Amino acid sequence: MSGFLAKSREAVVGFIWDGDLRSMSTPRRQVTRVLRLSYVMLREFSTGELNLRAMSMVYTTLLSVVPLLAFSFALLKGFGVTNQLEPVLYRFLEPLGPKGTEVAGYIIGFVANIKIGVLGSLGLGLLIYTVLSLLQKMEASFNYAWRVEQPRGFGQRFSNYLSVILVGPLLVFSALGLTATVSSNRLVQWLIGIEPFGTLVLETARFIPYLLVVAAFTFFYMFVPNTRVKLRAAVVGGLVAGFLWQSTGWAFAAFIATSSKYAAIYSSFAILLMLLIWLYINWLVLLLGAQIAFFIQHPQYLTRTPVRLTLSNRLKERLALALMYLVADHHHRHAPAWNADGLAARLDVPVAPLQRLITALITLGYLTETNMEPPNLVPARDISTVGIADLLDDVRAADESRFLQEDRLPAPAPVDEVVERIDQSRAAVLKSLTLRDLL
């Protein structure tokens, strides 16, 4: 049996990965792409990293849900649309069944009883911190899905998070209000009375909540990761995540309806456990959609075995020199400055290893970032003072720590002699060559 299963698995994997997409017919090419994406997604899911991040988001959500809704209530109260927040919360907890309505009522009660004036500055600061920590963990999880190792700076993080907290609720409820206004329009009401337009309008209205969910997921995928996400990739990820979210909602509601045994075992704790599971499923769906959006934008990562993007010492030196040349060239000619995505496209390398090298060059004092979004790169000092020999030596030593350094590594005398001759030869060839000389 084990031999049969192994041969079957090998045959399935061979069918998915053997063959060139360019030589396939259009229908088979599309099917193969979907199968390869599904294979890679299962592999990513099996590593357990997305599970761990989704579970950590559940804990942070429990701490921040009341403060986040309190900010939304305070903001929407000024626009007279506070009553629109409750239906959204009830709909989110609808898969929990009748107990979900009870939990939503408790949350609304907690939010309504929050008095900012009584909390004081320390209490208000803790509330804001819990909300910001949720957004920070969300960004870190999305950065992991997008292979981004450099988080946003503190200033950008604070401004972006504040925009999400303040503008997000307004956009959501403005869309809901616009939907209600359009539904009550005389022309729309007249169309509803005429068949088949009436049935068409009513059926279309049923899809509006799902379209809003897809739009919200697409918004997250475009603006939360610290990288430039194309609209097409974000939309595909949003569509898949929206479909998964709705499907899991139906499945979870059916599970709740038949889980009377859990209520008997856990008593009043059952609804809390179900709430935790439902939050975990939602975050996992959101992260899976982000992973799909990444693979749609970067199909080169759809490989049979995981891709390890590690630069060799030779490539690291060559890439650092090319990167510094391009940045200095644009700066010297007053051309538009480069950013990480533009350099990755120009040098035809993935963003992840390039970003690690950029971070090293910033730390070493060769580059600096602007305050734009995304940040542009400019030389940190006069290019006539950047020696090529010094640049290459610093890049070679960038990954060393104080516990592992050249002077602490004992070596036989012949080895030290060879290394010294290599260093002397490099110095003789490069001499006083600077970055400005290359330009």
Protein backbone atom coordinates (compact mmCIF):
# COMPACT_ATOMS: atom_id res chain seq x y z
CA MET A 1 0.00 0.00 0.00
CA SER A 2 2.82 2.41 0.86
CA GLY A 3 4.50 1.72 -2.48
CA PHE A 4 1.23 2.34 -4.34
CA LEU A 5 0.69 5.64 -2.51
CA ALA A 6 4.26 6.73 -3.23
CA LYS A 7 3.87 5.99 -6.96
CA SER A 8 0.51 7.76 -7.04
CA ARG A 9 1.96 10.82 -5.37
CA GLU A 10 4.92 10.83 -7.77
CA ALA A 11 2.56 10.59 -10.73
CA VAL A 12 0.41 13.50 -9.48
CA VAL A 13 3.45 15.68 -8.75
CA GLY A 14 4.92 14.82 -12.15
CA PHE A 15 1.67 15.76 -13.90
CA ILE A 16 1.67 19.14 -12.13
CA TRP A 17 5.31 20.11 -12.57
CA ASP A 18 6.58 18.23 -15.64
CA GLY A 19 6.23 20.14 -18.87
CA ASP A 20 6.79 23.69 -20.06
CA LEU A 21 3.85 26.07 -19.72
CA ARG A 22 4.78 27.79 -22.99
CA SER A 23 4.23 24.58 -24.96
CA MET A 24 0.82 23.82 -23.43
CA SER A 25 -2.58 24.72 -24.81
CA THR A 26 -4.37 27.62 -23.12
CA PRO A 27 -6.89 25.51 -21.12
CA ARG A 28 -4.21 23.12 -19.86
CA ARG A 29 -1.88 26.02 -19.05
CA GLN A 30 -4.51 27.64 -16.85
CA VAL A 31 -5.34 24.36 -15.13
CA THR A 32 -1.64 23.67 -14.53
CA ARG A 33 -1.14 27.12 -13.03
CA VAL A 34 -4.02 26.58 -10.64
CA LEU A 35 -2.67 23.14 -9.67
CA ARG A 36 0.82 24.51 -9.11
CA LEU A 37 -0.54 27.36 -7.00
CA SER A 38 -2.60 24.89 -4.96
CA TYR A 39 0.44 22.63 -4.49
CA VAL A 40 2.63 25.50 -3.29
CA MET A 41 -0.12 26.83 -1.00
CA LEU A 42 -0.49 23.40 0.63
CA ARG A 43 3.27 23.29 1.10
CA GLU A 44 3.30 26.75 2.68
CA PHE A 45 0.39 25.83 4.94
CA SER A 46 2.08 22.60 6.06
CA THR A 47 5.09 24.52 7.41
CA GLY A 48 2.88 25.85 10.21
CA GLU A 49 4.13 29.44 10.08
CA LEU A 50 0.80 30.84 8.87
CA ASN A 51 -0.97 28.88 11.63
CA LEU A 52 1.26 30.38 14.30
CA ARG A 53 0.77 33.90 13.00
CA ALA A 54 -3.00 33.47 12.78
CA MET A 55 -3.11 32.21 16.37
CA SER A 56 -1.04 35.14 17.61
CA MET A 57 -3.43 37.50 15.82
CA VAL A 58 -6.36 35.93 17.72
CA TYR A 59 -4.79 36.86 21.05
CA THR A 60 -4.11 40.43 19.94
CA THR A 61 -7.62 40.74 18.50
CA LEU A 62 -9.20 39.85 21.84
CA LEU A 63 -7.23 42.67 23.47
CA SER A 64 -7.86 45.28 20.79
CA VAL A 65 -11.40 44.63 19.54
CA VAL A 66 -13.09 46.79 22.19
CA PRO A 67 -10.67 49.77 21.84
CA LEU A 68 -10.86 49.55 18.05
CA LEU A 69 -14.65 49.59 18.08
CA ALA A 70 -14.58 52.41 20.65
CA PHE A 71 -12.53 54.55 18.26
CA SER A 72 -14.88 53.67 15.44
CA PHE A 73 -17.92 54.54 17.56
CA ALA A 74 -16.43 57.88 18.57
CA LEU A 75 -15.57 58.71 14.97
CA LEU A 76 -18.90 57.64 13.50
CA LYS A 77 -20.89 59.38 16.22
CA GLY A 78 -19.85 62.70 14.74
CA PHE A 79 -21.38 61.64 11.42
CA GLY A 80 -24.58 60.33 12.98
CA VAL A 81 -24.09 56.76 11.70
CA THR A 82 -23.22 54.96 14.93
CA ASN A 83 -26.14 52.57 14.53
CA GLN A 84 -24.59 51.14 11.35
CA LEU A 85 -21.70 49.57 13.28
CA GLU A 86 -23.85 47.09 15.15
CA PRO A 87 -25.25 45.25 12.07
CA VAL A 88 -21.71 44.76 10.74
CA LEU A 89 -20.58 43.23 14.02
CA TYR A 90 -23.68 41.02 14.18
CA ARG A 91 -23.03 39.82 10.64
CA PHE A 92 -19.40 39.00 11.42
CA LEU A 93 -20.46 36.86 14.40
CA GLU A 94 -23.44 35.36 12.60
CA PRO A 95 -21.73 31.94 12.06
CA LEU A 96 -21.67 31.52 15.86
CA GLY A 97 -25.44 31.15 15.83
CA PRO A 98 -27.70 32.64 18.52
CA LYS A 99 -24.75 32.90 20.90
CA GLY A 100 -23.01 35.13 18.36
CA THR A 101 -25.76 37.71 18.77
CA GLU A 102 -25.24 37.51 22.52
CA VAL A 103 -21.48 38.03 22.19
CA ALA A 104 -22.03 40.98 19.85
CA GLY A 105 -24.37 42.50 22.42
CA TYR A 106 -21.74 42.12 25.14
CA ILE A 107 -19.09 43.78 22.96
CA ILE A 108 -21.40 46.67 22.08
CA GLY A 109 -22.17 47.07 25.78
CA PHE A 110 -18.47 47.18 26.67
CA VAL A 111 -17.82 49.78 23.98
CA ALA A 112 -20.76 51.93 25.05
CA ASN A 113 -19.54 51.91 28.67
CA ILE A 114 -16.03 53.11 27.85
CA LYS A 115 -15.53 56.63 29.16
CA ILE A 116 -12.33 58.15 27.86
CA GLY A 117 -12.31 60.88 30.48
CA VAL A 118 -12.31 58.32 33.30
CA LEU A 119 -9.45 56.28 31.85
CA GLY A 120 -6.83 58.99 32.14
CA SER A 121 -3.76 59.41 29.98
CA LEU A 122 -2.24 56.03 30.94
CA GLY A 123 -5.44 54.10 30.23
CA LEU A 124 -5.96 55.91 26.94
CA GLY A 125 -2.36 55.17 25.99
CA LEU A 126 -2.87 51.46 26.69
CA LEU A 127 -6.00 51.42 24.54
CA ILE A 128 -4.16 53.04 21.66
CA TYR A 129 -1.25 50.65 22.12
CA THR A 130 -3.48 47.56 21.84
CA VAL A 131 -4.98 48.87 18.59
CA LEU A 132 -1.58 49.74 17.11
CA SER A 133 -0.14 46.36 18.18
CA LEU A 134 -2.89 44.60 16.22
CA LEU A 135 -2.02 46.57 13.07
CA GLN A 136 1.70 46.02 13.66
CA LYS A 137 1.27 42.25 13.92
CA MET A 138 -0.93 42.33 10.85
CA GLU A 139 1.78 44.14 8.89
CA ALA A 140 4.43 41.70 10.13
CA SER A 141 2.31 38.74 9.01
CA PHE A 142 1.70 40.28 5.60
CA ASN A 143 5.40 41.10 5.25
CA TYR A 144 6.17 37.43 5.94
CA ALA A 145 3.74 36.37 3.21
CA TRP A 146 5.39 38.83 0.81
CA ARG A 147 8.97 37.87 1.77
CA VAL A 148 9.60 41.40 3.05
CA GLU A 149 12.11 41.62 5.88
CA GLN A 150 12.23 45.39 6.35
CA PRO A 151 9.26 46.84 8.30
CA ARG A 152 8.08 50.40 7.91
CA GLY A 153 9.80 53.12 9.90
CA PHE A 154 8.19 54.37 13.07
CA GLY A 155 6.94 57.59 11.50
CA GLN A 156 5.42 55.85 8.47
CA ARG A 157 3.98 53.12 10.67
CA PHE A 158 2.27 55.59 12.99
CA SER A 159 0.80 57.70 10.18
CA ASN A 160 -0.39 54.67 8.18
CA TYR A 161 -1.93 52.98 11.19
CA LEU A 162 -3.66 56.18 12.22
CA SER A 163 -5.06 56.52 8.71
CA VAL A 164 -6.44 52.97 8.84
CA ILE A 165 -8.06 53.59 12.24
CA LEU A 166 -9.63 56.91 11.22
CA VAL A 167 -10.36 56.49 7.51
CA GLY A 168 -11.18 52.77 7.41
CA PRO A 169 -14.49 52.95 9.29
CA LEU A 170 -15.54 56.00 7.28
CA LEU A 171 -14.94 54.21 3.97
CA VAL A 172 -16.78 51.06 5.06
CA PHE A 173 -19.85 52.81 6.38
CA SER A 174 -19.86 55.36 3.56
CA ALA A 175 -20.09 52.40 1.18
CA LEU A 176 -22.93 50.93 3.23
CA GLY A 177 -24.71 54.27 3.30
CA LEU A 178 -24.25 54.71 -0.44
CA THR A 179 -25.72 51.25 -1.00
CA ALA A 180 -28.75 52.12 1.10
CA THR A 181 -29.19 55.45 -0.71
CA VAL A 182 -29.05 53.81 -4.13
CA SER A 183 -31.54 51.15 -3.02
CA SER A 184 -34.05 53.83 -1.99
CA ASN A 185 -33.64 55.83 -5.19
CA ARG A 186 -36.85 56.33 -7.19
CA LEU A 187 -35.30 55.00 -10.39
CA VAL A 188 -34.13 51.86 -8.61
CA GLN A 189 -37.53 51.38 -7.01
CA TRP A 190 -39.15 51.77 -10.44
CA LEU A 191 -36.79 49.16 -11.92
CA ILE A 192 -37.60 46.76 -9.09
CA GLY A 193 -41.25 46.88 -10.09
CA ILE A 194 -40.43 45.77 -13.66
CA GLU A 195 -39.47 42.19 -14.38
CA PRO A 196 -36.92 40.79 -15.01
CA PHE A 197 -35.11 43.92 -13.78
CA GLY A 198 -36.63 43.59 -10.29
CA THR A 199 -35.26 40.09 -9.79
CA LEU A 200 -31.90 41.14 -11.26
CA VAL A 201 -31.61 44.14 -8.90
CA LEU A 202 -32.58 42.08 -5.86
CA GLU A 203 -30.14 39.29 -6.74
CA THR A 204 -27.38 41.85 -7.33
CA ALA A 205 -28.10 43.45 -3.95
CA ARG A 206 -27.47 40.07 -2.29
CA PHE A 207 -23.89 40.11 -3.58
CA ILE A 208 -23.10 43.60 -2.28
CA PRO A 209 -21.96 42.41 1.20
CA TYR A 210 -19.62 39.87 -0.43
CA LEU A 211 -18.26 42.53 -2.78
CA LEU A 212 -17.56 44.75 0.22
CA VAL A 213 -15.68 41.90 1.89
CA VAL A 214 -13.62 41.34 -1.28
CA ALA A 215 -12.95 45.08 -1.50
CA ALA A 216 -11.80 45.16 2.14
CA PHE A 217 -9.45 42.20 1.60
CA THR A 218 -8.10 43.80 -1.57
CA PHE A 219 -7.47 47.04 0.34
CA PHE A 220 -5.52 45.18 3.02
CA TYR A 221 -3.42 43.29 0.48
CA MET A 222 -2.48 46.48 -1.37
CA PHE A 223 -1.63 48.81 1.49
CA VAL A 224 -0.61 46.74 4.54
CA PRO A 225 2.56 44.98 3.22
CA ASN A 226 5.66 47.13 3.12
CA THR A 227 6.05 46.66 -0.63
CA ARG A 228 4.28 47.70 -3.79
CA VAL A 229 1.43 45.31 -4.58
CA LYS A 230 -0.15 45.32 -8.01
CA LEU A 231 -3.91 45.73 -8.23
CA ARG A 232 -4.38 42.49 -10.17
CA ALA A 233 -2.61 40.41 -7.53
CA ALA A 234 -4.51 42.08 -4.70
CA VAL A 235 -7.86 41.57 -6.44
CA VAL A 236 -7.19 37.86 -7.08
CA GLY A 237 -6.14 37.40 -3.46
CA GLY A 238 -9.23 39.30 -2.32
CA LEU A 239 -11.55 37.20 -4.47
CA VAL A 240 -10.10 33.90 -3.24
CA ALA A 241 -10.06 35.06 0.38
CA GLY A 242 -13.63 36.35 0.08
CA PHE A 243 -14.79 33.01 -1.32
CA LEU A 244 -12.96 31.12 1.44
CA TRP A 245 -14.37 33.45 4.08
CA GLN A 246 -17.94 32.92 2.94
CA SER A 247 -17.47 29.16 2.53
CA THR A 248 -15.90 28.75 5.97
CA GLY A 249 -18.71 30.89 7.42
CA TRP A 250 -21.33 28.48 6.09
CA ALA A 251 -19.34 25.45 7.23
CA PHE A 252 -18.72 26.93 10.68
CA ALA A 253 -22.40 27.84 11.08
CA ALA A 254 -23.34 24.25 10.21
CA PHE A 255 -20.77 23.01 12.73
CA ILE A 256 -22.17 25.27 15.45
CA ALA A 257 -25.69 24.04 14.73
CA THR A 258 -24.62 20.43 15.40
CA SER A 259 -22.22 21.08 18.31
CA SER A 260 -24.61 20.66 21.21
CA LYS A 261 -22.18 18.18 22.77
CA TYR A 262 -19.53 20.88 23.09
CA ALA A 263 -22.00 23.11 24.92
CA ALA A 264 -22.74 20.24 27.30
CA ILE A 265 -19.03 19.62 27.96
CA TYR A 266 -17.74 23.20 28.21
CA SER A 267 -20.96 24.83 29.43
CA SER A 268 -20.71 28.63 29.30
CA PHE A 269 -17.12 28.43 28.03
CA ALA A 270 -18.27 26.84 24.78
CA ILE A 271 -19.13 30.14 23.10
CA LEU A 272 -15.72 31.56 24.06
CA LEU A 273 -13.97 28.58 22.49
CA MET A 274 -16.09 28.92 19.35
CA LEU A 275 -15.29 32.63 19.16
CA LEU A 276 -11.56 31.89 19.37
CA ILE A 277 -11.83 29.28 16.62
CA TRP A 278 -13.85 31.63 14.42
CA LEU A 279 -11.31 34.46 14.86
CA TYR A 280 -8.50 32.03 14.04
CA ILE A 281 -10.25 30.90 10.85
CA ASN A 282 -10.78 34.51 9.76
CA TRP A 283 -7.15 35.48 10.26
CA LEU A 284 -5.97 32.30 8.55
CA VAL A 285 -8.17 33.05 5.54
CA LEU A 286 -6.81 36.60 5.41
CA LEU A 287 -3.20 35.37 5.49
CA LEU A 288 -3.86 32.69 2.87
CA GLY A 289 -5.25 35.37 0.57
CA ALA A 290 -2.12 37.46 1.11
CA GLN A 291 0.03 34.45 0.22
CA ILE A 292 -1.99 33.87 -2.97
CA ALA A 293 -1.62 37.54 -3.93
CA PHE A 294 2.15 37.19 -3.52
CA PHE A 295 2.37 34.15 -5.80
CA ILE A 296 0.15 35.84 -8.40
CA GLN A 297 2.51 38.83 -8.53
CA HIS A 298 5.68 36.70 -8.33
CA PRO A 299 5.02 33.47 -10.27
CA GLN A 300 8.74 32.69 -10.27
CA TYR A 301 8.27 31.45 -6.70
CA LEU A 302 5.90 28.71 -7.91
CA THR A 303 8.54 25.99 -7.88
CA ARG A 304 8.50 22.28 -7.11
CA THR A 305 10.83 22.76 -4.14
CA PRO A 306 11.02 25.83 -1.88
CA VAL A 307 13.18 28.64 -3.20
CA ARG A 308 16.09 29.69 -0.99
CA LEU A 309 17.08 33.23 -1.87
CA THR A 310 20.58 33.39 -0.40
CA LEU A 311 23.24 35.46 -2.11
CA SER A 312 26.71 34.00 -2.43
CA ASN A 313 29.66 36.20 -1.50
CA ARG A 314 30.42 36.73 -5.19
CA LEU A 315 26.86 37.81 -6.02
CA LYS A 316 26.67 39.97 -2.90
CA GLU A 317 29.72 42.01 -3.90
CA ARG A 318 28.63 42.32 -7.54
CA LEU A 319 25.07 43.28 -6.59
CA ALA A 320 26.23 45.84 -4.03
CA LEU A 321 28.48 47.50 -6.59
CA ALA A 322 25.74 47.54 -9.24
CA LEU A 323 23.22 48.88 -6.74
CA MET A 324 25.48 51.70 -5.58
CA TYR A 325 26.32 52.56 -9.20
CA LEU A 326 22.65 52.89 -10.19
CA VAL A 327 21.72 54.95 -7.13
CA ALA A 328 24.73 57.25 -7.54
CA ASP A 329 24.13 57.62 -11.28
CA HIS A 330 20.55 58.85 -10.83
CA HIS A 331 21.56 61.10 -7.95
CA HIS A 332 24.45 62.57 -9.95
CA ARG A 333 22.23 63.27 -13.00
CA HIS A 334 19.32 64.56 -10.85
CA ALA A 335 17.14 61.75 -12.22
CA PRO A 336 14.25 60.24 -10.20
CA ALA A 337 15.65 58.28 -7.28
CA TRP A 338 15.45 54.50 -7.21
CA ASN A 339 13.41 52.46 -4.75
CA ALA A 340 13.80 48.79 -3.84
CA ASP A 341 11.14 47.55 -6.28
CA GLY A 342 12.57 49.55 -9.17
CA LEU A 343 16.09 48.29 -8.48
CA ALA A 344 14.83 44.71 -8.26
CA ALA A 345 13.18 45.06 -11.67
CA ARG A 346 16.25 46.77 -13.18
CA LEU A 347 18.71 44.19 -11.85
CA ASP A 348 16.28 41.27 -12.40
CA VAL A 349 16.62 39.92 -8.86
CA PRO A 350 13.98 39.12 -6.21
CA VAL A 351 13.19 41.89 -3.77
CA ALA A 352 13.91 39.88 -0.59
CA PRO A 353 17.71 39.38 -0.99
CA LEU A 354 18.07 42.85 -2.51
CA GLN A 355 16.29 44.39 0.48
CA ARG A 356 18.67 42.62 2.87
CA LEU A 357 21.61 44.10 0.98
CA ILE A 358 20.02 47.56 0.96
CA THR A 359 19.53 47.34 4.72
CA ALA A 360 23.20 46.41 5.14
CA LEU A 361 24.34 49.35 2.98
CA ILE A 362 22.13 51.71 5.00
CA THR A 363 23.61 50.37 8.23
CA LEU A 364 27.13 50.75 6.84
CA GLY A 365 26.45 54.39 5.95
CA TYR A 366 26.51 54.14 2.15
CA LEU A 367 22.79 54.69 1.49
CA THR A 368 19.94 56.54 3.14
CA GLU A 369 16.19 56.42 2.65
CA THR A 370 13.86 59.31 1.96
CA ASN A 371 10.57 59.84 3.78
CA MET A 372 8.51 59.05 0.69
CA GLU A 373 6.21 56.03 0.41
CA PRO A 374 7.75 53.76 -0.75
CA PRO A 375 11.10 55.20 0.37
CA ASN A 376 13.62 56.17 -2.29
CA LEU A 377 17.35 55.56 -1.98
CA VAL A 378 20.06 58.21 -2.25
CA PRO A 379 23.78 58.17 -1.40
CA ALA A 380 24.45 58.87 2.26
CA ARG A 381 27.65 60.82 1.48
CA ASP A 382 29.60 62.37 -1.36
CA ILE A 383 30.20 59.69 -4.00
CA SER A 384 33.76 60.97 -4.55
CA THR A 385 34.60 59.78 -1.01
CA VAL A 386 33.20 56.26 -1.49
CA GLY A 387 36.16 54.04 -2.29
CA ILE A 388 35.35 50.88 -4.22
CA ALA A 389 37.83 48.85 -2.16
CA ASP A 390 36.27 50.08 1.09
CA LEU A 391 32.76 49.36 -0.22
CA LEU A 392 33.58 45.78 -1.18
CA ASP A 393 35.44 45.14 2.08
CA ASP A 394 32.52 46.44 4.14
CA VAL A 395 30.04 44.33 2.18
CA ARG A 396 32.20 41.22 2.72
CA ALA A 397 32.24 41.87 6.48
CA ALA A 398 28.58 42.96 6.79
CA ASP A 399 27.32 39.69 8.27
CA GLU A 400 30.07 39.32 10.85
CA SER A 401 29.31 39.67 14.53
CA ARG A 402 31.55 40.61 17.42
CA PHE A 403 31.72 36.93 18.39
CA LEU A 404 32.98 35.82 14.95
CA GLN A 405 35.53 38.22 13.50
CA GLU A 406 38.60 37.80 11.37
CA ASP A 407 41.05 38.72 14.12
CA ARG A 408 39.42 36.18 16.47
CA LEU A 409 39.65 33.32 13.99
CA PRO A 410 42.96 31.50 14.46
CA ALA A 411 44.46 30.20 11.24
CA PRO A 412 47.79 28.61 10.27
CA ALA A 413 50.47 31.00 9.08
CA PRO A 414 50.32 29.86 5.42
CA VAL A 415 46.58 30.60 5.37
CA ASP A 416 47.13 34.10 6.78
CA GLU A 417 49.81 34.66 4.16
CA VAL A 418 47.49 33.70 1.26
CA VAL A 419 44.68 35.90 2.59
CA GLU A 420 47.11 38.82 2.95
CA ARG A 421 48.31 38.40 -0.62
CA ILE A 422 44.70 38.38 -1.87
CA ASP A 423 43.93 41.58 0.02
CA GLN A 424 47.08 43.25 -1.31
CA SER A 425 46.21 42.26 -4.87
CA ARG A 426 42.71 43.74 -4.53
CA ALA A 427 44.12 46.96 -3.10
CA ALA A 428 46.66 47.20 -5.92
CA VAL A 429 44.01 46.73 -8.61
CA LEU A 430 41.44 49.11 -7.13
CA LYS A 431 43.93 51.62 -5.71
CA SER A 432 42.10 54.93 -5.16
CA LEU A 433 39.14 54.12 -7.43
CA THR A 434 35.95 55.78 -6.18
CA LEU A 435 32.27 55.51 -7.02
CA ARG A 436 32.49 58.84 -8.83
CA ASP A 437 35.24 57.40 -11.05
CA LEU A 438 32.85 54.65 -12.18
CA LEU A 439 30.35 57.29 -13.30
